[in-house]
Protein backbone atom coordinates (compact mmCIF):
# COMPACT_ATOMS: atom_id res chain seq x y z
CA MET A 1 100.38 72.06 121.03
CA SER A 2 97.23 74.12 120.71
CA ASP A 3 93.51 73.50 120.88
CA ILE A 4 92.61 76.45 118.65
CA ALA A 5 91.36 75.04 115.37
CA ILE A 6 93.03 76.23 112.20
CA ASN A 7 90.88 76.01 109.09
CA ASN A 8 92.79 76.37 105.84
CA SER A 9 90.57 74.45 103.44
CA SER A 10 90.46 75.24 99.74
CA GLU A 11 86.81 76.33 99.99
CA LEU A 12 87.98 79.38 101.95
CA GLN A 13 90.39 80.57 99.25
CA GLY A 14 89.34 83.96 97.85
CA LYS A 15 87.31 84.86 100.93
CA TYR A 16 88.19 87.96 102.95
CA LEU A 17 87.13 89.03 106.41
CA THR A 18 86.46 92.77 106.24
CA PHE A 19 86.70 95.18 109.15
CA TYR A 20 86.88 98.89 109.90
CA VAL A 21 89.80 100.89 111.25
CA ASP A 22 89.34 104.67 111.38
CA SER A 23 86.32 104.53 109.03
CA GLN A 24 88.34 102.70 106.35
CA LEU A 25 87.37 99.19 105.25
CA TYR A 26 90.16 96.60 105.28
CA GLY A 27 90.22 92.92 104.48
CA ILE A 28 92.42 89.96 105.33
CA PRO A 29 92.24 86.46 103.87
CA ILE A 30 89.80 84.38 105.92
CA THR A 31 92.38 81.57 105.84
CA ASP A 32 94.48 83.65 108.26
CA VAL A 33 91.61 84.05 110.72
CA VAL A 34 91.28 81.59 113.57
CA GLN A 35 88.38 83.27 115.34
CA ILE A 36 86.85 86.60 116.34
CA VAL A 37 86.39 87.42 120.01
CA GLY A 38 85.10 90.41 121.91
CA ILE A 39 87.44 92.64 123.83
CA GLN A 40 88.80 90.71 126.79
CA GLU A 41 90.78 91.68 129.83
CA MET A 42 94.41 91.95 128.79
CA THR A 43 97.53 91.55 130.85
CA SER A 44 100.02 94.30 130.09
CA VAL A 45 103.58 93.26 129.32
CA PRO A 46 106.53 95.47 130.34
CA ASP A 47 108.45 97.04 127.45
CA TYR A 48 105.79 96.15 124.87
CA PRO A 49 105.38 98.80 122.15
CA HIS A 50 102.52 101.29 122.74
CA TYR A 51 100.29 99.60 120.13
CA ALA A 52 100.65 96.14 121.76
CA LYS A 53 97.93 96.29 124.39
CA GLY A 54 99.10 93.13 126.17
CA ILE A 55 98.31 89.44 126.11
CA ILE A 56 95.19 87.34 126.51
CA ASN A 57 94.81 83.73 127.53
CA LEU A 58 92.46 82.10 125.03
CA ARG A 59 91.79 78.46 125.93
CA GLY A 60 95.31 78.01 127.25
CA ASN A 61 97.01 79.90 124.41
CA ILE A 62 98.88 83.09 125.34
CA ILE A 63 98.22 85.54 122.51
CA PRO A 64 99.84 88.98 122.03
CA VAL A 65 97.19 91.59 121.18
CA ILE A 66 97.90 94.53 118.88
CA ASP A 67 95.61 97.52 118.39
CA ILE A 68 95.74 97.96 114.60
CA ARG A 69 94.58 101.56 114.87
CA LEU A 70 97.57 102.47 117.07
CA HIS A 71 99.94 100.39 114.95
CA MET A 72 98.86 102.44 111.92
CA GLY A 73 99.69 105.67 113.76
CA LYS A 74 96.08 106.70 114.39
CA PRO A 75 94.99 108.24 117.71
CA GLU A 76 93.68 105.91 120.39
CA ILE A 77 89.91 105.68 120.87
CA ALA A 78 87.79 104.02 123.54
CA TYR A 79 86.66 100.48 122.84
CA ASP A 80 82.92 99.92 122.54
CA ASP A 81 80.53 97.00 122.03
CA ARG A 82 81.51 96.72 118.33
CA THR A 83 85.24 96.56 119.03
CA CYS A 84 86.62 93.06 118.70
CA THR A 85 89.82 91.08 118.39
CA ILE A 86 90.58 89.04 115.30
CA ILE A 87 92.73 86.06 116.28
CA THR A 88 95.06 85.19 113.42
CA ASN A 89 97.59 82.49 112.70
CA ILE A 90 100.79 83.94 111.26
CA ASN A 91 103.41 81.33 110.46
CA GLY A 92 102.13 79.05 113.22
CA ASN A 93 101.93 81.80 115.86
CA PHE A 94 98.72 83.35 117.16
CA PHE A 95 98.25 87.12 117.28
CA GLY A 96 95.18 89.16 118.13
CA PHE A 97 94.38 92.33 116.20
CA ILE A 98 91.94 94.80 117.75
CA VAL A 99 89.66 96.38 115.15
CA GLU A 100 86.82 98.86 115.53
CA GLN A 101 84.20 96.68 113.88
CA VAL A 102 84.05 93.50 111.82
CA ASP A 103 81.97 93.95 108.67
CA GLU A 104 81.49 90.69 106.74
CA VAL A 105 83.13 87.81 104.90
CA LEU A 106 83.29 88.45 101.15
CA ASP A 107 84.00 86.13 98.26
CA VAL A 108 86.50 88.02 96.10
CA GLN A 109 87.46 87.03 92.57
CA PRO A 110 91.07 87.58 91.45
CA ASP A 111 89.95 90.12 88.81
CA GLU A 112 88.37 92.24 91.58
CA ILE A 113 91.78 92.87 93.18
CA ALA A 114 93.98 95.61 91.75
CA PRO A 115 97.65 95.91 92.73
CA PRO A 116 98.37 98.48 95.44
CA PRO A 117 99.76 101.86 94.42
CA LYS A 118 103.55 101.97 94.23
CA THR A 119 104.31 104.63 96.83
CA ALA A 120 106.87 104.81 99.59
CA GLY A 121 104.40 105.33 102.45
CA THR A 122 104.58 102.80 105.26
CA GLY A 123 100.83 102.17 105.01
CA MET A 124 101.24 101.05 101.41
CA LYS A 125 103.73 98.36 102.46
CA LEU A 126 100.92 96.62 104.34
CA LEU A 127 98.66 96.40 101.30
CA THR A 128 98.49 93.39 99.03
CA GLY A 129 95.86 94.95 96.80
CA ILE A 130 92.77 97.09 96.42
CA ILE A 131 89.50 95.18 96.23
CA ARG A 132 86.80 96.89 94.19
CA LEU A 133 83.35 95.32 94.37
CA GLU A 134 80.30 96.41 92.42
CA LEU A 135 77.29 96.51 94.76
CA PRO A 136 73.77 95.63 93.60
CA ASN A 137 72.74 99.31 93.87
CA GLY A 138 75.46 100.27 91.38
CA GLU A 139 77.82 101.73 93.97
CA GLU A 140 81.36 100.52 94.42
CA LYS A 141 82.84 99.16 97.63
CA VAL A 142 86.60 99.70 98.05
CA ILE A 143 88.50 97.48 100.49
CA LEU A 144 92.19 97.72 101.28
CA ALA A 145 93.49 94.13 101.25
CA LEU A 146 96.11 93.34 103.86
CA GLU A 147 98.29 90.33 104.45
CA SER A 148 98.22 89.35 108.13
CA ALA A 149 101.94 88.56 108.13
CA LYS A 150 102.69 92.10 106.88
CA LEU A 151 100.83 93.73 109.77
CA LEU A 152 103.86 92.90 111.89
CA GLY A 153 107.38 92.58 110.59
CA GLU A 154 109.32 89.40 111.36
CA SER A 155 111.51 91.06 113.99
CA GLU A 156 108.42 92.70 115.51
CA MET A 157 106.64 89.33 115.73
CA ASN A 158 109.69 87.67 117.28
CA SER A 159 110.05 90.48 119.83
CA LEU A 160 106.39 90.23 120.90
CA LEU A 161 106.57 86.44 121.13
CA CYS A 162 109.87 86.43 123.08
CA GLN A 163 108.44 88.74 125.71
CA VAL A 164 105.55 86.35 126.44
CA GLY A 165 107.08 82.97 125.83
């Protein structure tokens, strides 16, 4: 079916890939990440939502690409040499998420994740928790934890996949 490797081993549990969108640090479980690629030429798809920049062909796999910044309602910015696409596996389907910059992979303990605030904002629906890490210099690093599957709703995923498949 696909030649993109999917690594979901138990040694990756508790690890998060962190990245920046609009100067805010976010994290997704590394088990959802297939690979990270630079910005590639995308083929636009008619009637795609404004935040879906198109599709890419990655080793024979046609992958819809979403600009997370636009999906979150932020203004569009030019891509630069730090901009990259995180290829994820969501329920057996590949999606690419454009982020401004990948930061690092962190090992996060369950007690370092607080539940997200209970507010009605759409941005809060994406959050699975707030990661608070104590840095060696005594400062605190705050990361908004996301679930890849929540970045796109089920009907949204199906719509994007139907238009390319």
